[in-house]
């Protein structure tokens, strides 16, 4: 028998669960200001997350999916992207969106059922929040195709969950990206759960990163709770795509420390011991410990940061709560480029 191909899936980690370095840090991580910026983004995102859940529980917001425990992944994405790249999120990527100019008020508006929340004022080319699984992967491949046809040095970063990698849209996008060598980076947020379905029940693959191999390009795993590792992997993958060397897939290993959404009760299927262990690995504590040990951060700075975060969030909530109702005519005006005659009378009735 002849072996025609062999593959390996590397795993990357710089900071352990105690915030200790296990290998030399990449260049950007040697700058304390850059690390503090990443830390501040993660804390802001978690604080915003908690406020959004409170709004939902008090009837001021619709169903909301938390990003608790997964902040490092989207924080690294936002920090690694260039402004003219395009971001195709799933529905937990608030940290990346905030860094790319999406406002907290816009995010809250979307989860209240107001589609104006997807009309990003600062970055209109980024795609909206995606609730259907994996559909954004094919949309991202289409955008990346356009970049390649136009010879533009732009990159698409698309995020999906572990459950989405079992969908046909994901495999089709992987295949397109590989055969056309598209400038795209797939990021899989492997938080171990597809609603109540565990990772082990979704696929028998040893890793999700290896699914890139079928598309003919590289896949790797990173510790998704180590923001340094995630950003380093993204920096390399984005640079590769921008240089015309094709796609990559990054599987970020983390854990969903929250219900799937506010409509879920994870305690019905969680193993309490596993969750307790996962809290020991969470990303914010890990980076904070590193910063404190190296005298880049202290309790005074932490207190000031919490005040700043709360002030920003309260301002955003006020803006969201004062958003005037959408016009009823919007359902007609934004559905067709040219409204069919059959709807003209209906629109006039609504307008009165």
Protein backbone atom coordinates (compact mmCIF):
# COMPACT_ATOMS: atom_id res chain seq x y z
CA UNK A 1 0.00 0.00 0.00
CA UNK A 2 1.20 3.49 -0.88
CA UNK A 3 0.38 6.52 1.29
CA UNK A 4 -0.64 9.31 -1.08
CA UNK A 5 -1.14 12.08 1.48
CA UNK A 6 -0.63 12.87 5.15
CA UNK A 7 -2.01 15.74 7.20
CA UNK A 8 -1.41 17.32 10.57
CA UNK A 9 -3.50 19.75 12.60
CA UNK A 10 -1.36 22.05 14.75
CA UNK A 11 -2.60 23.48 18.05
CA UNK A 12 -1.53 26.94 19.25
CA UNK A 13 -1.46 28.42 22.72
CA UNK A 14 0.68 31.09 24.40
CA UNK A 15 -1.07 31.74 27.72
CA UNK A 16 -2.22 28.93 29.97
CA UNK A 17 -5.27 29.12 32.23
CA UNK A 18 -3.22 30.85 34.94
CA UNK A 19 -1.95 33.54 32.60
CA UNK A 20 1.53 32.04 32.34
CA UNK A 21 3.51 32.03 29.09
CA UNK A 22 4.32 28.60 27.67
CA UNK A 23 6.25 29.81 24.62
CA UNK A 24 7.80 33.06 23.36
CA UNK A 25 5.18 35.69 22.66
CA UNK A 26 4.64 37.07 19.14
CA UNK A 27 5.85 40.59 18.45
CA UNK A 28 2.51 42.38 18.95
CA UNK A 29 2.02 40.75 22.36
CA UNK A 30 5.23 42.27 23.65
CA UNK A 31 3.54 45.67 23.53
CA UNK A 32 1.56 46.09 26.75
CA UNK A 33 -0.65 48.77 25.20
CA UNK A 34 -1.85 46.33 22.55
CA UNK A 35 -2.63 43.70 25.17
CA UNK A 36 -4.45 46.22 27.34
CA UNK A 37 -6.51 47.26 24.33
CA UNK A 38 -7.54 43.62 23.78
CA UNK A 39 -8.34 43.27 27.47
CA UNK A 40 -10.46 46.42 27.53
CA UNK A 41 -12.46 45.21 24.53
CA UNK A 42 -13.17 41.86 26.17
CA UNK A 43 -14.31 43.50 29.41
CA UNK A 44 -16.52 45.97 27.56
CA UNK A 45 -18.08 43.13 25.59
CA UNK A 46 -18.82 41.06 28.69
CA UNK A 47 -20.28 44.05 30.52
CA UNK A 48 -22.46 44.91 27.52
CA UNK A 49 -23.52 41.27 27.33
CA UNK A 50 -24.71 41.28 30.93
CA UNK A 51 -26.67 44.49 30.36
CA UNK A 52 -28.34 43.06 27.24
CA UNK A 53 -29.48 40.00 29.19
CA UNK A 54 -30.92 42.25 31.90
CA UNK A 55 -32.80 44.21 29.25
CA UNK A 56 -34.23 41.00 27.86
CA UNK A 57 -35.28 39.76 31.29
CA UNK A 58 -37.14 43.02 31.92
CA UNK A 59 -38.98 42.93 28.60
CA UNK A 60 -36.92 45.62 26.87
CA UNK A 61 -35.17 43.32 24.39
CA UNK A 62 -36.04 40.24 22.41
CA UNK A 63 -34.28 36.88 22.52
CA UNK A 64 -30.55 37.48 22.92
CA UNK A 65 -27.53 35.17 22.45
CA UNK A 66 -24.74 35.80 24.93
CA UNK A 67 -21.02 35.60 24.12
CA UNK A 68 -20.01 34.84 27.70
CA UNK A 69 -16.69 32.99 27.79
CA UNK A 70 -16.08 33.47 24.07
CA UNK A 71 -14.95 37.10 24.04
CA UNK A 72 -11.35 36.37 23.05
CA UNK A 73 -12.30 35.03 19.62
CA UNK A 74 -14.23 38.04 18.34
CA UNK A 75 -11.88 40.47 20.09
CA UNK A 76 -8.96 38.99 18.18
CA UNK A 77 -10.91 39.10 14.92
CA UNK A 78 -11.68 42.79 15.27
CA UNK A 79 -8.08 43.57 16.16
CA UNK A 80 -6.64 41.58 13.24
CA UNK A 81 -8.84 42.94 10.45
CA UNK A 82 -8.19 46.01 8.34
CA UNK A 83 -10.97 48.57 7.87
CA UNK A 84 -11.58 47.66 4.20
CA UNK A 85 -11.85 43.94 4.88
CA UNK A 86 -15.35 42.49 5.18
CA UNK A 87 -16.69 40.75 8.24
CA UNK A 88 -19.38 38.07 8.03
CA UNK A 89 -20.43 37.28 11.60
CA UNK A 90 -22.69 34.67 13.09
CA UNK A 91 -24.48 35.97 16.20
CA UNK A 92 -21.97 36.19 19.06
CA UNK A 93 -19.30 38.39 17.50
CA UNK A 94 -20.06 41.60 19.37
CA UNK A 95 -16.44 42.39 20.25
CA UNK A 96 -15.36 42.34 16.61
CA UNK A 97 -18.37 44.39 15.57
CA UNK A 98 -17.74 47.01 18.24
CA UNK A 99 -14.14 47.36 17.08
CA UNK A 100 -15.37 47.78 13.50
CA UNK A 101 -17.66 50.66 14.37
CA UNK A 102 -20.96 48.88 14.94
CA UNK A 103 -22.61 50.58 17.90
CA UNK A 104 -24.10 48.90 20.92
CA UNK A 105 -27.36 50.71 20.16
CA UNK A 106 -27.43 49.10 16.71
CA UNK A 107 -26.86 45.65 18.20
CA UNK A 108 -29.62 46.19 20.75
CA UNK A 109 -31.97 47.44 18.04
CA UNK A 110 -31.41 44.29 16.01
CA UNK A 111 -32.19 42.00 18.95
CA UNK A 112 -35.34 44.01 19.61
CA UNK A 113 -36.58 43.00 16.15
CA UNK A 114 -35.71 46.29 14.46
CA UNK A 115 -33.92 45.59 11.17
CA UNK A 116 -32.42 49.08 11.26
CA UNK A 117 -29.96 47.58 13.69
CA UNK A 118 -28.34 45.83 10.72
CA UNK A 119 -27.86 49.09 8.83
CA UNK A 120 -24.41 49.81 10.21
CA UNK A 121 -23.60 53.49 9.90
CA UNK A 122 -19.84 53.11 10.29
CA UNK A 123 -19.13 49.98 8.26
CA UNK A 124 -21.98 49.32 5.82
CA UNK A 125 -20.13 46.65 3.81
CA UNK A 126 -19.91 44.28 6.76
CA UNK A 127 -22.67 41.71 6.64
CA UNK A 128 -25.46 41.71 9.25
CA UNK A 129 -25.88 39.35 12.16
CA UNK A 130 -26.66 35.85 10.90
CA UNK A 131 -28.99 33.57 12.83
CA UNK A 132 -29.43 30.83 10.16
CA UNK A 133 -26.51 28.42 10.46
CA UNK A 134 -23.66 28.53 7.94
CA UNK A 135 -25.47 30.58 5.30
CA UNK A 136 -22.94 33.37 5.84
CA UNK A 137 -20.13 31.03 4.74
CA UNK A 138 -21.39 30.95 1.15
CA UNK A 139 -22.09 34.67 1.18
CA UNK A 140 -18.54 35.23 2.38
CA UNK A 141 -17.20 33.05 -0.43
CA UNK A 142 -19.12 35.17 -2.93
CA UNK A 143 -17.67 38.38 -1.52
CA UNK A 144 -14.16 36.90 -1.58
CA UNK A 145 -14.72 35.90 -5.21
CA UNK A 146 -15.51 39.52 -6.03
CA UNK A 147 -12.32 40.69 -4.32
CA UNK A 148 -10.28 38.22 -6.34
CA UNK A 149 -11.92 39.15 -9.65
CA UNK A 150 -11.26 42.83 -8.94
CA UNK A 151 -7.66 42.16 -7.86
CA UNK A 152 -8.38 43.91 -4.57
CA UNK A 153 -6.07 43.14 -1.61
CA UNK A 154 -9.05 42.65 0.69
CA UNK A 155 -9.95 39.69 2.89
CA UNK A 156 -13.21 38.22 4.16
CA UNK A 157 -13.40 36.82 7.68
CA UNK A 158 -16.42 34.61 8.32
CA UNK A 159 -17.40 33.11 11.66
CA UNK A 160 -19.58 30.12 12.38
CA UNK A 161 -20.13 27.80 15.32
CA UNK A 162 -19.17 24.16 15.68
CA UNK A 163 -22.71 23.07 14.82
CA UNK A 164 -22.61 25.00 11.56
CA UNK A 165 -19.69 22.88 10.33
CA UNK A 166 -22.15 20.01 9.93
CA UNK A 167 -24.22 22.00 7.43
CA UNK A 168 -24.00 21.71 3.67
CA UNK A 169 -23.48 25.45 3.24
CA UNK A 170 -20.25 25.18 5.20
CA UNK A 171 -18.87 22.35 3.07
CA UNK A 172 -19.84 24.07 -0.16
CA UNK A 173 -18.11 27.26 0.94
CA UNK A 174 -15.00 25.33 1.97
CA UNK A 175 -14.91 23.64 -1.42
CA UNK A 176 -15.34 26.93 -3.32
CA UNK A 177 -12.70 28.67 -1.22
CA UNK A 178 -10.18 25.91 -1.88
CA UNK A 179 -10.73 25.35 -5.59
CA UNK A 180 -10.83 29.08 -6.37
CA UNK A 181 -8.12 29.97 -3.79
CA UNK A 182 -10.22 32.75 -2.32
CA UNK A 183 -9.00 35.45 0.10
CA UNK A 184 -11.10 34.21 3.00
CA UNK A 185 -10.51 33.06 6.57
CA UNK A 186 -13.02 30.72 8.19
CA UNK A 187 -13.17 31.00 11.97
CA UNK A 188 -15.02 28.24 13.79
CA UNK A 189 -16.08 29.18 17.30
CA UNK A 190 -16.02 25.69 18.81
CA UNK A 191 -17.87 26.39 22.04
CA UNK A 192 -18.74 22.69 22.36
CA UNK A 193 -22.50 23.14 21.88
CA UNK A 194 -24.97 23.50 19.02
CA UNK A 195 -27.84 24.62 21.25
CA UNK A 196 -28.20 21.44 23.36
CA UNK A 197 -26.30 19.11 21.00
CA UNK A 198 -22.74 18.47 22.21
CA UNK A 199 -19.74 18.58 19.91
CA UNK A 200 -19.32 14.80 20.26
CA UNK A 201 -22.78 14.17 18.81
CA UNK A 202 -22.26 16.42 15.79
CA UNK A 203 -19.30 14.82 14.05
CA UNK A 204 -16.85 11.96 14.49
CA UNK A 205 -13.98 14.06 13.16
CA UNK A 206 -11.09 14.35 15.60
CA UNK A 207 -11.00 18.11 14.96
CA UNK A 208 -13.14 20.62 13.12
CA UNK A 209 -10.00 22.20 11.68
CA UNK A 210 -9.36 19.11 9.57
CA UNK A 211 -12.50 19.83 7.56
CA UNK A 212 -10.40 22.39 5.67
CA UNK A 213 -8.27 19.55 4.33
CA UNK A 214 -11.14 18.35 2.14
CA UNK A 215 -11.14 21.82 0.59
CA UNK A 216 -7.44 21.62 -0.12
CA UNK A 217 -6.16 24.20 2.34
CA UNK A 218 -4.77 24.48 5.85
CA UNK A 219 -6.70 24.17 9.07
CA UNK A 220 -5.43 24.68 12.61
CA UNK A 221 -6.66 24.69 16.17
CA UNK A 222 -6.02 27.48 18.64
CA UNK A 223 -6.90 27.94 22.27
CA UNK A 224 -9.93 30.17 21.83
CA UNK A 225 -9.57 31.47 25.39
CA UNK A 226 -6.07 32.78 24.64
CA UNK A 227 -6.64 36.06 22.81
CA UNK A 228 -2.95 36.23 21.92
CA UNK A 229 -3.05 32.85 20.18
CA UNK A 230 -6.23 33.66 18.30
CA UNK A 231 -4.92 37.00 17.06
CA UNK A 232 -1.57 35.52 16.06
CA UNK A 233 -3.27 32.80 14.04
CA UNK A 234 -5.58 35.35 12.43
CA UNK A 235 -2.73 37.73 11.61
CA UNK A 236 -0.96 34.94 9.72
CA UNK A 237 -4.08 33.66 7.97
CA UNK A 238 -5.20 37.14 6.92
CA UNK A 239 -1.73 38.03 5.62
CA UNK A 240 -1.68 34.79 3.63
CA UNK A 241 -5.09 35.50 2.10
CA UNK A 242 -4.19 39.12 1.32
CA UNK A 243 -1.05 37.99 -0.47
CA UNK A 244 -3.12 35.80 -2.78
CA UNK A 245 -2.11 32.49 -1.19
CA UNK A 246 -5.64 31.30 -0.50
CA UNK A 247 -7.92 30.48 2.41
CA UNK A 248 -7.39 29.16 5.92
CA UNK A 249 -9.56 27.71 8.66
CA UNK A 250 -9.04 28.42 12.34
CA UNK A 251 -10.87 26.32 14.91
CA UNK A 252 -10.92 28.25 18.18
CA UNK A 253 -11.53 25.96 21.15
CA UNK A 254 -13.61 27.60 23.87
CA UNK A 255 -16.70 26.91 25.97
CA UNK A 256 -20.13 28.52 26.04
CA UNK A 257 -20.47 29.66 29.66
CA UNK A 258 -24.08 30.68 29.14
CA UNK A 259 -27.39 29.50 27.77
CA UNK A 260 -27.53 29.20 23.99
CA UNK A 261 -29.85 32.22 24.06
CA UNK A 262 -32.12 33.78 26.66
CA UNK A 263 -34.77 31.32 25.43
CA UNK A 264 -32.64 28.35 26.50
CA UNK A 265 -31.93 26.63 29.84
CA UNK A 266 -28.49 25.04 29.56
CA UNK A 267 -28.72 23.56 33.04
CA UNK A 268 -30.99 20.89 31.56
CA UNK A 269 -28.12 19.41 29.58
CA UNK A 270 -24.89 20.82 31.05
CA UNK A 271 -22.53 18.81 33.21
CA UNK A 272 -21.88 21.10 36.22
CA UNK A 273 -18.33 19.83 36.72
CA UNK A 274 -17.42 20.51 33.10
CA UNK A 275 -18.80 24.03 33.36
CA UNK A 276 -16.89 24.65 36.58
CA UNK A 277 -13.68 23.57 34.88
CA UNK A 278 -14.46 25.73 31.86
CA UNK A 279 -14.70 28.79 34.12
CA UNK A 280 -11.08 28.17 35.08
CA UNK A 281 -10.11 28.55 31.42
CA UNK A 282 -12.10 31.69 30.61
CA UNK A 283 -10.25 34.37 28.60
CA UNK A 284 -10.66 37.58 30.59
CA UNK A 285 -9.28 36.23 33.84
CA UNK A 286 -6.39 34.66 31.96
CA UNK A 287 -5.21 37.87 30.30
CA UNK A 288 -5.86 39.93 33.43
CA UNK A 289 -3.61 37.63 35.46
CA UNK A 290 -0.85 37.98 32.90
CA UNK A 291 -1.12 41.77 32.85
CA UNK A 292 -1.13 42.02 36.64
CA UNK A 293 1.83 39.66 37.06
CA UNK A 294 3.82 41.77 34.63
CA UNK A 295 2.74 45.05 36.29
CA UNK A 296 0.79 46.28 33.27
CA UNK A 297 -2.53 46.39 35.13
CA UNK A 298 -3.82 46.97 38.65
CA UNK A 299 -7.01 47.21 40.69
CA UNK A 300 -7.31 50.97 40.20
CA UNK A 301 -7.22 50.60 36.44
CA UNK A 302 -9.75 47.78 36.68
CA UNK A 303 -12.16 49.95 38.67
CA UNK A 304 -11.80 52.82 36.21
CA UNK A 305 -12.42 50.45 33.32
CA UNK A 306 -15.66 49.20 34.85
CA UNK A 307 -16.89 52.77 35.30
CA UNK A 308 -16.02 53.61 31.68
CA UNK A 309 -17.75 50.48 30.38
CA UNK A 310 -20.90 51.14 32.38
CA UNK A 311 -21.04 54.74 31.18
CA UNK A 312 -20.67 53.74 27.52
CA UNK A 313 -23.31 51.06 27.88
CA UNK A 314 -25.82 53.29 29.63
CA UNK A 315 -25.43 55.89 26.88
CA UNK A 316 -26.04 53.18 24.28
CA UNK A 317 -29.11 51.92 26.11
CA UNK A 318 -30.52 55.44 26.25
CA UNK A 319 -29.94 55.83 22.51
CA UNK A 320 -31.58 52.47 21.86
CA UNK A 321 -34.59 53.19 24.07
CA UNK A 322 -35.11 56.57 22.38
CA UNK A 323 -34.98 55.15 18.85
CA UNK A 324 -38.18 56.28 17.11
CA UNK A 325 -40.44 53.53 15.74
CA UNK A 326 -39.76 52.38 12.21
CA UNK A 327 -42.17 53.60 9.54
CA UNK A 328 -44.78 51.06 8.50
CA UNK A 329 -44.00 51.91 4.88
CA UNK A 330 -40.48 50.51 5.35
CA UNK A 331 -41.82 47.00 4.72
CA UNK A 332 -42.63 48.09 1.18
CA UNK A 333 -39.84 50.58 0.51
CA UNK A 334 -37.01 48.17 1.31
CA UNK A 335 -38.43 44.95 -0.13
CA UNK A 336 -38.19 45.68 -3.88
CA UNK A 337 -36.03 47.99 -5.97
CA UNK A 338 -39.25 48.98 -7.74
CA UNK A 339 -42.48 48.23 -5.91
CA UNK A 340 -44.83 46.01 -7.95
CA UNK A 341 -48.18 47.57 -8.78
CA UNK A 342 -50.02 44.94 -6.73
CA UNK A 343 -48.56 46.45 -3.53
CA UNK A 344 -49.15 50.12 -4.32
CA UNK A 345 -52.65 50.22 -2.84
CA UNK A 346 -51.48 48.38 0.30
CA UNK A 347 -48.71 50.91 0.77
CA UNK A 348 -51.15 53.80 0.43
CA UNK A 349 -53.40 52.25 3.09
CA UNK A 350 -50.47 51.93 5.49
CA UNK A 351 -49.30 55.46 4.79
CA UNK A 352 -52.63 57.01 5.81
